[in-house]
Amino acid sequence: QVQLVESGGGLVQAGGSLRLSCAASGLLFSTSVMGWFRQAPGKEREFVGGISWTGGSTYYRDSQRGRFTISRDNAKNTVYLQMNSLKPEDTAVYYCAAKITGGAITGGAARYDYWGQGTQVTVSS
């Protein structure tokens, strides 16, 4: 059974930082492209960024580039999302997702095979 479990969310003031983790089990993590998405109330789920199966390539949505960093530890089957300089508009439920076919990083949610349950991030002004 595949499981993706996010952790690390919480309440932070604007300008602060959070580090989200996503622990994977039941899949071949080391060959999976991993993505982070978020969904704010009343809005569609949007791509935050992704990382290749080697960790050698990352891609970010423009609004997150420079503030967010995705990394992975294949030995721990875990992917991370480091978020700095947080803004109130970053408030959302954050999800990690796995694309087990590998290949290129993609922002298309439909291309991902498995999803975590999400973790809430709230940024206060």
C-alpha atoms as a PDB file:
ATOM      1  CA  GLN A   1       0.000   0.000   0.000  1.00  0.00           C
ATOM      2  CA  VAL A   2       1.410   3.339  -1.060  1.00  0.00           C
ATOM      3  CA  GLN A   3       1.477   6.073   1.549  1.00  0.00           C
ATOM      4  CA  LEU A   4       2.673   9.647   1.357  1.00  0.00           C
ATOM      5  CA  VAL A   5       2.575  11.406   4.701  1.00  0.00           C
ATOM      6  CA  GLU A   6       3.218  15.122   4.931  1.00  0.00           C
ATOM      7  CA  SER A   7       4.282  16.859   8.110  1.00  0.00           C
ATOM      8  CA  GLY A   8       5.700  20.169   9.237  1.00  0.00           C
ATOM      9  CA  GLY A   9       2.800  22.471   8.543  1.00  0.00           C
ATOM     10  CA  GLY A  10       1.582  25.033  11.017  1.00  0.00           C
ATOM     11  CA  LEU A  11       1.053  28.692  11.751  1.00  0.00           C
ATOM     12  CA  VAL A  12       3.834  31.143  10.997  1.00  0.00           C
ATOM     13  CA  GLN A  13       4.110  34.904  10.723  1.00  0.00           C
ATOM     14  CA  ALA A  14       4.751  36.587   7.419  1.00  0.00           C
ATOM     15  CA  GLY A  15       8.432  36.543   6.623  1.00  0.00           C
ATOM     16  CA  GLY A  16       8.951  33.318   8.522  1.00  0.00           C
ATOM     17  CA  SER A  17       9.962  29.863   7.375  1.00  0.00           C
ATOM     18  CA  LEU A  18       8.628  26.340   7.451  1.00  0.00           C
ATOM     19  CA  ARG A  19      10.007  23.039   6.293  1.00  0.00           C
ATOM     20  CA  LEU A  20       7.552  20.444   5.115  1.00  0.00           C
ATOM     21  CA  SER A  21       8.429  16.778   4.870  1.00  0.00           C
ATOM     22  CA  CYS A  22       6.769  14.006   2.929  1.00  0.00           C
ATOM     23  CA  ALA A  23       7.624  10.451   3.895  1.00  0.00           C
ATOM     24  CA  ALA A  24       6.855   7.829   1.278  1.00  0.00           C
ATOM     25  CA  SER A  25       6.332   4.109   1.626  1.00  0.00           C
ATOM     26  CA  GLY A  26       5.088   1.300  -0.561  1.00  0.00           C
ATOM     27  CA  LEU A  27       6.561   2.636  -3.783  1.00  0.00           C
ATOM     28  CA  LEU A  28       9.896   2.786  -5.505  1.00  0.00           C
ATOM     29  CA  PHE A  29      10.656   6.242  -4.210  1.00  0.00           C
ATOM     30  CA  SER A  30      14.129   6.536  -5.696  1.00  0.00           C
ATOM     31  CA  THR A  31      12.794   6.431  -9.251  1.00  0.00           C
ATOM     32  CA  SER A  32       9.732   8.606  -8.664  1.00  0.00           C
ATOM     33  CA  VAL A  33       9.412  12.243  -9.612  1.00  0.00           C
ATOM     34  CA  MET A  34       8.034  14.095  -6.612  1.00  0.00           C
ATOM     35  CA  GLY A  35       5.895  17.191  -6.695  1.00  0.00           C
ATOM     36  CA  TRP A  36       4.473  19.643  -4.222  1.00  0.00           C
ATOM     37  CA  PHE A  37       1.086  21.228  -4.760  1.00  0.00           C
ATOM     38  CA  ARG A  38      -1.090  23.498  -2.684  1.00  0.00           C
ATOM     39  CA  GLN A  39      -4.741  24.414  -2.478  1.00  0.00           C
ATOM     40  CA  ALA A  40      -6.093  27.530  -0.845  1.00  0.00           C
ATOM     41  CA  PRO A  41      -9.743  27.834   0.195  1.00  0.00           C
ATOM     42  CA  GLY A  42     -11.935  28.442  -2.797  1.00  0.00           C
ATOM     43  CA  LYS A  43      -9.098  27.993  -5.245  1.00  0.00           C
ATOM     44  CA  GLU A  44      -7.906  25.212  -7.483  1.00  0.00           C
ATOM     45  CA  ARG A  45      -4.975  23.048  -6.564  1.00  0.00           C
ATOM     46  CA  GLU A  46      -1.791  24.531  -7.998  1.00  0.00           C
ATOM     47  CA  PHE A  47       1.697  23.253  -8.647  1.00  0.00           C
ATOM     48  CA  VAL A  48       4.381  24.557  -6.299  1.00  0.00           C
ATOM     49  CA  GLY A  49       7.398  22.696  -7.613  1.00  0.00           C
ATOM     50  CA  GLY A  50       8.921  19.331  -8.305  1.00  0.00           C
ATOM     51  CA  ILE A  51      12.133  17.375  -8.132  1.00  0.00           C
ATOM     52  CA  SER A  52      13.557  14.698 -10.363  1.00  0.00           C
ATOM     53  CA  TRP A  53      14.123  11.180  -9.099  1.00  0.00           C
ATOM     54  CA  THR A  54      17.849  11.812  -8.699  1.00  0.00           C
ATOM     55  CA  GLY A  55      17.328  15.143  -7.010  1.00  0.00           C
ATOM     56  CA  GLY A  56      19.526  16.731  -9.642  1.00  0.00           C
ATOM     57  CA  SER A  57      16.747  18.813 -11.177  1.00  0.00           C
ATOM     58  CA  THR A  58      14.091  20.971  -9.653  1.00  0.00           C
ATOM     59  CA  TYR A  59      11.405  23.181 -11.092  1.00  0.00           C
ATOM     60  CA  TYR A  60       9.314  25.811  -9.382  1.00  0.00           C
ATOM     61  CA  ARG A  61       6.271  27.887 -10.119  1.00  0.00           C
ATOM     62  CA  ASP A  62       7.381  31.463 -10.771  1.00  0.00           C
ATOM     63  CA  SER A  63       5.863  32.878  -7.598  1.00  0.00           C
ATOM     64  CA  GLN A  64       7.824  30.400  -5.472  1.00  0.00           C
ATOM     65  CA  ARG A  65      11.142  30.539  -7.252  1.00  0.00           C
ATOM     66  CA  GLY A  66      13.800  31.924  -4.950  1.00  0.00           C
ATOM     67  CA  ARG A  67      11.728  31.464  -1.818  1.00  0.00           C
ATOM     68  CA  PHE A  68      11.004  27.737  -1.878  1.00  0.00           C
ATOM     69  CA  THR A  69      13.483  24.894  -2.173  1.00  0.00           C
ATOM     70  CA  ILE A  70      12.674  21.249  -2.805  1.00  0.00           C
ATOM     71  CA  SER A  71      15.094  18.508  -1.886  1.00  0.00           C
ATOM     72  CA  ARG A  72      14.954  14.785  -1.345  1.00  0.00           C
ATOM     73  CA  ASP A  73      16.739  12.054   0.553  1.00  0.00           C
ATOM     74  CA  ASN A  74      16.273   8.792  -1.290  1.00  0.00           C
ATOM     75  CA  ALA A  75      17.845   6.853   1.564  1.00  0.00           C
ATOM     76  CA  LYS A  76      15.023   8.076   3.806  1.00  0.00           C
ATOM     77  CA  ASN A  77      12.283   7.985   1.169  1.00  0.00           C
ATOM     78  CA  THR A  78      11.534  11.594   2.021  1.00  0.00           C
ATOM     79  CA  VAL A  79      11.065  14.774   0.052  1.00  0.00           C
ATOM     80  CA  TYR A  80      11.229  18.227   1.605  1.00  0.00           C
ATOM     81  CA  LEU A  81       9.837  21.648   0.871  1.00  0.00           C
ATOM     82  CA  GLN A  82      11.738  24.470   2.520  1.00  0.00           C
ATOM     83  CA  MET A  83       9.669  27.638   2.462  1.00  0.00           C
ATOM     84  CA  ASN A  84      11.243  30.983   3.310  1.00  0.00           C
ATOM     85  CA  SER A  85       9.952  34.545   3.287  1.00  0.00           C
ATOM     86  CA  LEU A  86       6.427  33.277   3.644  1.00  0.00           C
ATOM     87  CA  LYS A  87       3.537  35.511   2.671  1.00  0.00           C
ATOM     88  CA  PRO A  88      -0.114  35.397   3.706  1.00  0.00           C
ATOM     89  CA  GLU A  89      -0.970  34.317   0.162  1.00  0.00           C
ATOM     90  CA  ASP A  90       1.064  31.156   0.744  1.00  0.00           C
ATOM     91  CA  THR A  91      -1.649  29.999   3.135  1.00  0.00           C
ATOM     92  CA  ALA A  92      -2.983  26.700   1.835  1.00  0.00           C
ATOM     93  CA  VAL A  93      -3.057  22.971   2.320  1.00  0.00           C
ATOM     94  CA  TYR A  94       0.161  21.584   0.896  1.00  0.00           C
ATOM     95  CA  TYR A  95       0.284  18.174  -0.735  1.00  0.00           C
ATOM     96  CA  CYS A  96       3.105  16.016  -1.948  1.00  0.00           C
ATOM     97  CA  ALA A  97       2.603  13.734  -4.904  1.00  0.00           C
ATOM     98  CA  ALA A  98       4.530  10.957  -6.616  1.00  0.00           C
ATOM     99  CA  LYS A  99       4.858  10.271 -10.324  1.00  0.00           C
ATOM    100  CA  ILE A 100       6.074   6.706 -10.338  1.00  0.00           C
ATOM    101  CA  THR A 101       6.773   6.599 -14.052  1.00  0.00           C
ATOM    102  CA  GLY A 102       9.668   8.966 -13.510  1.00  0.00           C
ATOM    103  CA  GLY A 103      10.505  11.054 -16.537  1.00  0.00           C
ATOM    104  CA  ALA A 104      10.305  14.803 -16.500  1.00  0.00           C
ATOM    105  CA  ILE A 105       9.041  17.028 -13.726  1.00  0.00           C
ATOM    106  CA  THR A 106       5.561  18.191 -14.572  1.00  0.00           C
ATOM    107  CA  GLY A 107       3.110  20.629 -13.077  1.00  0.00           C
ATOM    108  CA  GLY A 108       0.121  18.661 -14.262  1.00  0.00           C
ATOM    109  CA  ALA A 109      -1.646  17.174 -11.269  1.00  0.00           C
ATOM    110  CA  ALA A 110      -3.195  14.449 -13.385  1.00  0.00           C
ATOM    111  CA  ARG A 111       0.240  13.098 -14.173  1.00  0.00           C
ATOM    112  CA  TYR A 112       0.884  12.165 -10.562  1.00  0.00           C
ATOM    113  CA  ASP A 113      -0.108   8.741  -9.347  1.00  0.00           C
ATOM    114  CA  TYR A 114      -0.207   9.069  -5.575  1.00  0.00           C
ATOM    115  CA  TRP A 115      -1.006  11.886  -3.176  1.00  0.00           C
ATOM    116  CA  GLY A 116      -0.573  12.609   0.475  1.00  0.00           C
ATOM    117  CA  GLN A 117      -3.351  13.784   2.741  1.00  0.00           C
ATOM    118  CA  GLY A 118      -2.016  17.314   2.949  1.00  0.00           C
ATOM    119  CA  THR A 119      -0.705  19.557   5.696  1.00  0.00           C
ATOM    120  CA  GLN A 120      -2.058  22.993   6.542  1.00  0.00           C
ATOM    121  CA  VAL A 121       0.196  26.028   6.282  1.00  0.00           C
ATOM    122  CA  THR A 122      -1.165  29.293   7.619  1.00  0.00           C
ATOM    123  CA  VAL A 123       0.784  32.522   7.285  1.00  0.00           C
ATOM    124  CA  SER A 124      -0.428  35.419   9.373  1.00  0.00           C
ATOM    125  CA  SER A 125       0.143  39.029   8.419  1.00  0.00           C
END
